[in-house]
Protein backbone atom coordinates (compact mmCIF):
# COMPACT_ATOMS: atom_id res chain seq x y z
CA MET A 1 184.16 99.10 139.82
CA GLY A 2 182.13 97.37 137.08
CA ASP A 3 182.22 98.53 133.47
CA ARG A 4 178.71 99.99 133.65
CA ALA A 5 179.43 101.76 136.94
CA LYS A 6 182.68 103.17 135.56
CA LEU A 7 180.89 104.34 132.42
CA MET A 8 178.11 106.06 134.39
CA GLY A 9 180.40 107.53 137.01
CA GLU A 10 183.43 108.62 134.98
CA GLU A 11 182.61 108.94 131.25
CA ASN A 12 182.46 112.46 129.83
CA ILE A 13 178.87 113.63 130.38
CA LEU A 14 178.33 114.93 126.85
CA LYS A 15 179.60 111.69 125.30
CA LEU A 16 177.54 109.64 127.76
CA PHE A 17 174.43 111.68 127.02
CA VAL A 18 174.84 111.23 123.25
CA LYS A 19 175.53 107.51 123.68
CA PHE A 20 172.38 107.00 125.76
CA SER A 21 170.11 109.44 123.92
CA LEU A 22 170.82 108.76 120.25
CA PRO A 23 169.20 105.27 120.05
CA ALA A 24 166.22 106.58 122.03
CA ILE A 25 165.86 109.64 119.77
CA LEU A 26 165.95 107.48 116.65
CA GLY A 27 163.45 105.10 118.21
CA MET A 28 161.05 107.88 119.16
CA LEU A 29 161.26 109.45 115.70
CA VAL A 30 160.58 106.10 114.09
CA GLN A 31 157.65 105.48 116.41
CA SER A 32 156.13 108.85 115.53
CA MET A 33 156.30 108.01 111.82
CA TYR A 34 153.26 105.70 112.07
CA ASN A 35 150.72 108.49 112.53
CA ILE A 36 152.68 111.17 110.67
CA VAL A 37 153.06 109.12 107.47
CA ASP A 38 149.38 108.15 107.58
CA ARG A 39 148.31 111.78 107.92
CA ILE A 40 150.59 113.01 105.14
CA PHE A 41 149.32 110.47 102.61
CA ILE A 42 145.69 110.80 103.76
CA GLY A 43 145.86 114.60 103.67
CA ASN A 44 147.00 114.48 100.06
CA ILE A 45 144.21 112.22 98.76
CA PRO A 46 142.61 114.07 95.81
CA GLU A 47 139.09 115.50 96.24
CA TYR A 48 138.42 114.48 99.85
CA GLY A 49 141.83 114.53 101.59
CA GLY A 50 140.82 117.46 103.82
CA TYR A 51 137.81 115.64 105.23
CA ALA A 52 139.76 112.38 105.47
CA ILE A 53 142.58 113.88 107.58
CA SER A 54 139.94 115.49 109.80
CA GLY A 55 138.37 112.05 110.32
CA VAL A 56 141.76 110.60 111.26
CA GLY A 57 142.27 113.61 113.55
CA VAL A 58 139.16 112.52 115.46
CA VAL A 59 140.63 109.03 115.89
CA LEU A 60 144.04 110.21 117.14
CA PRO A 61 143.02 110.86 120.79
CA ILE A 62 141.35 107.43 120.85
CA THR A 63 144.70 105.85 120.03
CA PHE A 64 146.11 107.55 123.15
CA ILE A 65 143.86 105.32 125.27
CA ILE A 66 144.88 102.23 123.31
CA MET A 67 148.57 103.11 123.72
CA GLY A 68 147.95 103.86 127.39
CA PHE A 69 147.10 100.22 128.14
CA SER A 70 150.28 99.08 126.38
CA MET A 71 152.23 101.46 128.63
CA LEU A 72 150.31 100.42 131.76
CA PHE A 73 151.36 96.78 131.45
CA GLY A 74 154.43 97.10 129.19
CA ILE A 75 156.32 99.83 131.04
CA GLY A 76 155.01 98.58 134.39
CA ALA A 77 156.21 95.03 133.75
CA GLY A 78 159.49 96.21 132.23
CA ALA A 79 160.45 98.36 135.23
CA ASN A 80 159.73 95.53 137.68
CA ILE A 81 161.55 93.01 135.49
CA SER A 82 164.66 95.23 135.44
CA ILE A 83 164.72 95.26 139.23
CA LYS A 84 164.33 91.49 139.52
CA LEU A 85 167.03 90.82 136.93
CA GLY A 86 169.33 93.19 138.80
CA GLU A 87 168.67 91.24 141.98
CA GLY A 88 169.44 87.97 140.19
CA LYS A 89 165.85 86.73 140.61
CA ASP A 90 165.30 85.44 137.07
CA LYS A 91 162.32 83.27 138.03
CA ASP A 92 160.47 86.25 139.53
CA ALA A 93 161.27 88.29 136.41
CA GLU A 94 159.77 85.55 134.19
CA LYS A 95 156.62 85.47 136.34
CA LEU A 96 156.26 89.22 135.90
CA PHE A 97 156.83 88.77 132.17
CA GLY A 98 154.07 86.18 131.98
CA ALA A 99 151.61 88.27 134.00
CA GLY A 100 152.37 91.36 131.91
CA LEU A 101 151.93 89.47 128.63
CA PHE A 102 148.62 88.01 129.83
CA MET A 103 147.25 91.46 130.69
CA LEU A 104 148.43 92.90 127.36
CA ILE A 105 146.51 90.19 125.49
CA VAL A 106 143.37 90.54 127.63
CA THR A 107 143.23 94.34 127.40
CA GLY A 108 143.96 94.21 123.66
CA VAL A 109 141.00 91.88 123.10
CA PHE A 110 138.74 93.91 125.41
CA ILE A 111 139.52 97.21 123.65
CA THR A 112 138.85 95.62 120.24
CA VAL A 113 135.48 94.16 121.27
CA PHE A 114 134.39 97.29 123.16
CA GLY A 115 135.53 99.61 120.37
CA LEU A 116 133.73 97.69 117.63
CA MET A 117 130.53 97.46 119.67
CA PHE A 118 130.38 101.22 120.32
CA LEU A 119 132.24 102.47 117.25
CA GLU A 120 129.82 105.20 116.19
CA LYS A 121 129.25 106.48 119.74
CA ILE A 122 132.99 106.70 120.30
CA VAL A 123 133.75 108.73 117.15
CA ASN A 124 130.78 111.02 117.93
CA LEU A 125 132.11 111.56 121.46
CA TYR A 126 135.50 112.58 120.06
CA GLY A 127 134.01 115.22 117.76
CA ALA A 128 133.01 113.62 114.44
CA ASP A 129 130.23 115.33 112.49
CA ASP A 130 128.41 114.18 109.34
CA SER A 131 131.16 115.39 106.99
CA ILE A 132 133.97 113.30 108.54
CA ARG A 133 132.21 110.52 110.48
CA ILE A 134 132.54 107.94 107.71
CA TYR A 135 136.32 108.47 107.47
CA ALA A 136 136.78 108.26 111.24
CA LYS A 137 134.73 105.05 111.45
CA ASN A 138 136.46 103.36 108.51
CA TYR A 139 139.92 104.15 109.90
CA LEU A 140 139.18 103.22 113.51
CA ARG A 141 137.35 99.98 112.62
CA ILE A 142 140.40 98.56 110.84
CA ILE A 143 142.80 99.84 113.51
CA LEU A 144 140.74 97.99 116.13
CA TYR A 145 140.97 94.72 114.16
CA GLY A 146 144.75 94.83 114.56
CA ASN A 147 144.75 96.27 118.07
CA VAL A 148 145.71 93.05 119.89
CA PHE A 149 148.92 92.75 117.86
CA ASN A 150 149.75 96.42 118.42
CA THR A 151 149.09 96.30 122.18
CA VAL A 152 151.19 93.18 122.70
CA ALA A 153 154.04 94.29 120.41
CA PHE A 154 154.37 97.75 121.97
CA GLY A 155 154.17 96.31 125.49
CA LEU A 156 156.79 93.63 124.79
CA ASN A 157 159.08 96.21 123.23
CA ASN A 158 159.17 98.05 126.55
CA ILE A 159 160.23 94.78 128.19
CA ILE A 160 162.97 94.29 125.57
CA ARG A 161 164.26 97.78 126.36
CA ALA A 162 163.98 97.17 130.12
CA GLU A 163 166.17 94.05 129.99
CA GLY A 164 168.96 96.15 128.47
CA ASN A 165 168.54 95.73 124.72
CA PRO A 166 167.74 99.23 123.37
CA LYS A 167 169.02 98.45 119.84
CA ILE A 168 166.57 95.56 119.39
CA ALA A 169 163.80 97.83 120.73
CA MET A 170 164.76 100.45 118.16
CA TYR A 171 164.81 97.87 115.34
CA THR A 172 161.31 96.79 116.39
CA MET A 173 159.91 100.26 115.78
CA LEU A 174 162.01 100.69 112.63
CA ILE A 175 160.53 97.54 111.05
CA GLY A 176 156.97 98.73 111.63
CA ALA A 177 157.63 102.27 110.39
CA ILE A 178 159.34 101.11 107.17
CA ILE A 179 156.57 98.63 106.32
CA ASN A 180 153.90 101.24 107.04
CA THR A 181 155.64 103.85 104.89
CA ILE A 182 156.01 101.44 101.94
CA LEU A 183 152.42 100.15 102.11
CA ASP A 184 150.68 103.52 102.64
CA PRO A 185 150.98 104.90 99.07
CA ILE A 186 150.38 101.46 97.54
CA LEU A 187 147.14 100.81 99.42
CA ILE A 188 145.88 104.41 99.52
CA PHE A 189 146.57 105.39 95.90
CA THR A 190 147.47 102.33 93.78
CA PHE A 191 144.63 100.20 95.14
CA ASN A 192 142.44 103.29 95.68
CA MET A 193 141.54 102.25 99.26
CA GLY A 194 141.83 105.74 100.73
CA VAL A 195 141.57 105.97 104.53
CA SER A 196 140.93 102.23 104.82
CA GLY A 197 144.22 101.61 102.99
CA ALA A 198 146.13 103.76 105.48
CA ALA A 199 144.62 101.85 108.40
CA LEU A 200 145.33 98.49 106.73
CA ALA A 201 148.96 99.49 106.14
CA THR A 202 149.23 100.36 109.83
CA ILE A 203 147.87 97.06 111.15
CA ILE A 204 150.00 95.02 108.71
CA ALA A 205 153.05 96.88 110.01
CA GLN A 206 151.91 96.27 113.58
CA PHE A 207 151.46 92.56 112.88
CA ALA A 208 155.02 92.37 111.51
CA THR A 209 156.25 94.09 114.66
CA PHE A 210 154.29 91.60 116.77
CA ILE A 211 155.93 88.64 114.96
CA TRP A 212 159.37 90.23 115.46
CA THR A 213 158.92 90.77 119.21
CA ILE A 214 157.41 87.34 119.86
CA SER A 215 160.18 85.61 117.87
CA TYR A 216 162.76 87.49 119.94
CA PHE A 217 161.52 85.73 123.07
CA ILE A 218 160.65 82.38 121.46
CA ASN A 219 164.12 82.09 119.86
CA LYS A 220 165.67 82.66 123.29
CA LYS A 221 167.54 85.83 122.40
CA SER A 222 166.17 87.32 125.58
CA MET A 223 167.39 86.94 129.15
CA LEU A 224 163.79 85.95 129.89
CA GLU A 225 162.27 82.59 128.97
CA LEU A 226 158.68 82.67 127.73
CA LYS A 227 156.99 79.98 129.85
CA ARG A 228 153.34 79.10 129.22
CA LYS A 229 152.70 78.33 132.91
CA TYR A 230 153.45 81.95 133.86
CA ILE A 231 151.12 83.50 131.24
CA LYS A 232 148.17 83.91 133.59
CA PHE A 233 146.46 86.39 135.88
CA ASN A 234 148.37 86.91 139.12
CA LYS A 235 146.67 89.49 141.31
CA GLU A 236 149.78 90.42 143.29
CA LEU A 237 152.01 90.79 140.23
CA VAL A 238 149.40 92.65 138.19
CA PHE A 239 148.97 95.26 140.93
CA LYS A 240 152.74 95.55 141.18
CA ILE A 241 152.96 96.14 137.44
CA MET A 242 150.11 98.66 137.46
CA SER A 243 151.61 100.66 140.33
CA ILE A 244 154.52 101.67 138.08
CA GLY A 245 152.63 101.79 134.79
CA ALA A 246 149.87 103.99 136.24
CA SER A 247 151.72 107.28 135.65
CA PRO A 248 152.31 106.93 131.87
CA PHE A 249 148.80 105.46 131.56
CA ALA A 250 147.31 108.50 133.30
CA MET A 251 149.23 110.80 130.94
CA GLN A 252 147.80 108.98 127.93
CA VAL A 253 144.27 109.19 129.33
CA ALA A 254 144.79 112.89 130.01
CA GLY A 255 145.92 113.34 126.41
CA SER A 256 142.76 111.60 125.24
CA VAL A 257 140.56 113.87 127.38
CA ILE A 258 142.35 116.90 125.94
CA GLY A 259 141.66 115.44 122.51
CA ILE A 260 137.92 115.28 123.19
CA ILE A 261 137.84 118.88 124.42
CA MET A 262 140.01 120.11 121.52
CA ASN A 263 138.04 118.33 118.81
CA ARG A 264 134.64 119.36 120.11
CA SER A 265 135.78 122.96 120.60
CA LEU A 266 137.34 123.06 117.12
CA LEU A 267 134.12 121.72 115.62
CA PHE A 268 131.95 124.21 117.55
CA TYR A 269 134.06 127.35 117.01
CA GLY A 270 135.43 126.37 113.62
CA SER A 271 134.48 123.37 111.46
CA SER A 272 135.47 119.77 110.78
CA LYS A 273 138.35 121.23 108.75
CA ALA A 274 139.66 122.85 111.95
CA ILE A 275 140.04 119.32 113.38
CA GLY A 276 142.06 118.46 110.27
CA ALA A 277 144.22 121.54 110.83
CA TYR A 278 144.89 120.42 114.42
CA ALA A 279 145.84 116.94 113.15
CA ALA A 280 148.27 118.55 110.70
CA ILE A 281 149.75 120.77 113.44
CA ASN A 282 150.20 117.74 115.71
CA SER A 283 152.08 115.90 112.97
CA ILE A 284 154.53 118.77 112.54
CA VAL A 285 155.05 119.42 116.25
CA THR A 286 155.64 115.71 116.93
CA LEU A 287 158.71 115.74 114.69
CA PHE A 288 160.37 118.31 116.98
CA PHE A 289 159.13 116.90 120.29
CA MET A 290 160.13 113.27 119.71
CA PRO A 291 163.89 114.00 119.87
CA VAL A 292 163.29 115.71 123.24
CA PHE A 293 161.43 112.65 124.54
CA GLY A 294 164.39 110.55 123.35
CA MET A 295 166.74 112.83 125.31
CA ASN A 296 164.53 112.19 128.33
CA GLN A 297 165.16 108.47 128.05
CA GLY A 298 168.90 109.06 127.71
CA LEU A 299 169.05 111.50 130.62
CA GLN A 300 167.18 109.40 133.17
CA PRO A 301 169.74 106.65 133.89
CA ILE A 302 172.65 109.12 133.90
CA VAL A 303 171.04 111.45 136.45
CA GLY A 304 169.58 108.58 138.47
CA TYR A 305 172.90 106.77 138.84
CA ASN A 306 174.96 109.83 139.69
CA TYR A 307 172.36 111.27 142.06
CA GLY A 308 172.22 107.93 143.88
CA ALA A 309 176.04 107.84 144.01
CA LYS A 310 176.06 111.40 145.45
CA ASN A 311 177.88 112.63 142.32
CA TYR A 312 175.76 115.78 142.29
CA ASP A 313 178.10 117.69 139.99
CA ARG A 314 177.67 115.04 137.28
CA ALA A 315 173.90 114.95 137.79
CA ARG A 316 173.72 118.74 137.41
CA GLU A 317 176.02 118.68 134.38
CA ALA A 318 173.85 116.03 132.71
CA LEU A 319 170.77 118.16 133.37
CA LYS A 320 172.51 121.22 131.90
CA VAL A 321 173.58 119.34 128.75
CA ALA A 322 170.08 117.93 128.27
CA ILE A 323 168.37 121.32 128.76
CA ILE A 324 170.70 122.99 126.25
CA ALA A 325 170.23 120.19 123.68
CA ALA A 326 166.44 120.08 124.12
CA THR A 327 166.12 123.87 123.95
CA MET A 328 168.17 123.96 120.74
CA VAL A 329 165.74 121.48 119.16
CA THR A 330 162.53 123.21 120.32
CA ALA A 331 163.89 126.70 119.63
CA THR A 332 164.89 125.66 116.10
CA GLY A 333 161.45 124.15 115.59
CA GLY A 334 159.73 127.23 116.99
CA ILE A 335 161.68 129.62 114.75
CA LEU A 336 161.14 127.52 111.60
CA ILE A 337 157.40 127.25 112.31
CA GLN A 338 157.07 131.02 112.77
CA LEU A 339 159.04 131.72 109.58
CA PHE A 340 157.65 129.00 107.30
CA PRO A 341 154.22 127.90 108.60
CA GLU A 342 152.83 127.48 105.06
CA MET A 343 155.63 125.09 104.09
CA PHE A 344 154.96 122.77 107.04
CA ILE A 345 151.17 122.72 106.64
CA ASN A 346 151.43 122.22 102.87
CA PHE A 347 153.65 119.20 103.50
CA VAL A 348 150.80 117.48 105.36
CA THR A 349 147.81 118.54 103.23
CA LYS A 350 146.94 120.52 100.12
CA ASP A 351 143.38 121.27 101.26
CA ALA A 352 142.91 125.06 100.98
CA ASP A 353 140.63 125.40 104.03
CA ILE A 354 142.90 123.36 106.30
CA ARG A 355 145.95 125.26 105.06
CA LEU A 356 144.34 128.60 105.91
CA ILE A 357 143.24 127.50 109.39
CA GLY A 358 146.45 125.55 110.03
CA VAL A 359 148.84 128.38 109.16
CA GLN A 360 147.08 130.76 111.57
CA GLY A 361 146.76 128.06 114.21
CA ILE A 362 150.31 126.71 114.23
CA LYS A 363 151.91 130.15 114.60
CA ARG A 364 149.81 130.92 117.69
CA PHE A 365 149.69 127.35 119.05
CA MET A 366 153.50 127.00 119.11
CA LEU A 367 154.34 130.61 120.03
CA PHE A 368 156.35 129.58 123.11
CA MET A 369 157.68 126.34 121.68
CA PRO A 370 161.33 127.27 122.50
CA VAL A 371 160.72 126.95 126.27
CA ILE A 372 159.01 123.54 126.11
CA GLY A 373 162.32 121.65 125.90
CA PHE A 374 163.36 123.06 129.27
CA GLN A 375 160.02 122.12 130.83
CA ILE A 376 160.01 118.52 129.55
CA ILE A 377 163.62 117.83 130.55
CA SER A 378 163.21 119.41 134.00
CA SER A 379 160.12 117.36 134.86
CA THR A 380 162.04 114.22 133.86
CA PHE A 381 164.93 115.27 136.11
CA PHE A 382 162.59 115.02 139.13
CA GLN A 383 161.54 111.55 138.04
CA ALA A 384 165.18 110.49 137.64
CA ILE A 385 166.08 111.51 141.22
CA GLY A 386 163.12 109.59 142.64
CA MET A 387 160.63 112.44 142.97
CA ALA A 388 157.95 110.89 140.76
CA LYS A 389 155.10 112.88 142.31
CA LYS A 390 156.70 116.24 141.48
CA SER A 391 157.51 115.02 137.98
CA PHE A 392 153.94 113.84 137.47
CA ILE A 393 152.50 117.14 138.75
CA LEU A 394 154.74 119.19 136.45
CA SER A 395 153.79 117.05 133.46
CA MET A 396 150.08 117.30 134.29
CA LEU A 397 150.35 121.08 134.72
CA ARG A 398 151.10 121.66 131.05
CA GLN A 399 148.76 119.05 129.59
CA VAL A 400 145.83 119.13 132.01
CA ILE A 401 145.76 121.38 135.07
CA ILE A 402 146.42 124.66 133.24
CA LEU A 403 145.45 123.74 129.68
CA ILE A 404 141.94 122.36 130.23
CA PRO A 405 140.57 125.47 132.04
CA LEU A 406 142.09 127.68 129.32
CA LEU A 407 140.45 125.54 126.62
CA LEU A 408 137.10 125.92 128.35
CA ILE A 409 137.39 129.69 128.95
CA LEU A 410 139.32 131.35 126.10
CA PRO A 411 137.21 130.10 123.14
CA ASN A 412 134.13 131.69 124.73
CA ILE A 413 135.92 135.05 124.42
CA TYR A 414 138.11 134.72 121.32
CA GLY A 415 136.48 131.86 119.41
CA LEU A 416 138.80 129.64 117.36
CA MET A 417 141.81 131.85 118.10
CA GLY A 418 141.15 131.25 121.81
CA ILE A 419 141.78 127.53 121.28
CA TRP A 420 145.12 128.19 119.60
CA THR A 421 146.04 130.68 122.36
CA ALA A 422 145.45 128.23 125.24
CA ALA A 423 148.57 126.17 124.47
CA PRO A 424 151.23 128.94 124.56
CA ILE A 425 149.81 130.38 127.79
CA SER A 426 149.92 126.92 129.34
CA ASP A 427 153.48 126.40 128.05
CA MET A 428 154.75 129.66 129.56
CA LEU A 429 153.02 129.33 132.94
CA THR A 430 154.16 125.72 133.31
CA THR A 431 157.75 126.64 132.41
CA ILE A 432 157.81 129.39 135.06
CA ILE A 433 156.46 127.01 137.73
CA THR A 434 158.88 124.28 136.66
CA GLY A 435 161.77 126.75 136.86
CA ILE A 436 160.82 127.59 140.45
CA PHE A 437 160.62 123.88 141.39
CA LEU A 438 163.99 123.20 139.75
CA TYR A 439 165.70 126.19 141.41
CA ILE A 440 164.56 125.01 144.86
CA GLN A 441 165.62 121.42 144.15
CA LEU A 442 169.10 122.37 142.92
CA LYS A 443 169.51 124.62 145.96
CA ASP A 444 168.59 121.69 148.23
CA MET A 445 171.07 119.47 146.39
CA ARG A 446 173.87 121.96 147.04
CA LYS A 447 172.99 122.05 150.75
CA GLU A 448 173.04 118.24 150.86
CA GLU A 449 176.35 118.23 148.99
CA LYS A 450 177.94 120.59 151.53
CA TYR A 451 176.60 118.42 154.36
CA PHE A 452 178.29 115.29 152.97
CA GLU A 453 181.52 117.20 152.32
CA SER A 454 181.54 118.38 155.94
CA ALA A 455 180.85 114.86 157.17
CA GLU A 456 183.79 113.52 155.14
CA LYS A 457 186.14 116.18 156.60
CA ILE A 458 185.09 115.23 160.15
CA LYS A 459 185.88 111.55 159.39
CA ILE A 460 189.33 112.52 158.11
């Protein structure tokens, strides 16, 4: 038995889960710092910070689309590369690497050109009005200038992780987050650049990340060799990459659609400051959700390996550990938010209007936050055991299938409070449905386990 197989099949589940999850959790937290740090500094700009954070709030769902393309070709290429490296087909892996890199560059350029050409129409579509349009445009324009570097760097980082180097992948995100955090106050306040300074800090950090990832491959630290002849469009490989990357891409697009509906509803039933409140709420919630997403990444290989090896007890134990850990995080977050909403909102912005709207909104919006950890982990469990369709459906339930109708119906009855109420209803309904799916699946696993045990007894 190889070292990795022995580790996955025999190591104490709790220790294994911590070992696999901790780097991912740190990486996810670091990654989330980009937008959170920007919003905190922007929200505290004297005189116009409230309008500025609302403008950045308009831009946030647009970045989901941009990130979606990085996932489409980065995660898609990475997953295929892992398989080829496992099969010992290094040449095929390098061809996939080249095709993935080519598509990352092309889509990065396309998004930049398209975004700059239709800048005003895009920010209007996502809910900008006269009071915040200038801030949204200034921020997005600069972000688009650096988009190619961001798209390529994020995509390549997925490939670094896929070839079995999670620490380097974590350092990649850490470098960008540290640079962004240092430059934000300097450019925003010292040089008095405001929103434009925040965006400039972000793209400088993204450029540094790009240089780091490219140098990793150029300096031959990778198992993959960066060969110019493979950096080209290959129809067969591109479709292969997209077939795996389509799911995370669809989730990002769905998040962007939700963003359009949310922003326009907040503007109609509230004001531009309500968009700023939503941006502040998102910043706070992200801090508690990112550790859960990191646990997801740690759980997947453990469950996948043991399920494939018919070690169902270990797969169930890993699921149990992950659910408990995730629920502790989301329950803690939910309780703290209900007890100290003012403290969290004040941390992001000092604008009086946003604070008033945000305090009311966050308490209602995250009412059932404690159950979300269970829902996220459980949907990932289905993905880990090869049931990607069920996992995708459960993920889409919370973010799209249930939430969108509620966002369209409830505000007509309850106004702004209807928008904040849509999320907890969606959270609870999705959790109940997920629980039913999981109960049936675990029951089926026990039946399959008994079948194999009976088969082994007959052999003996």
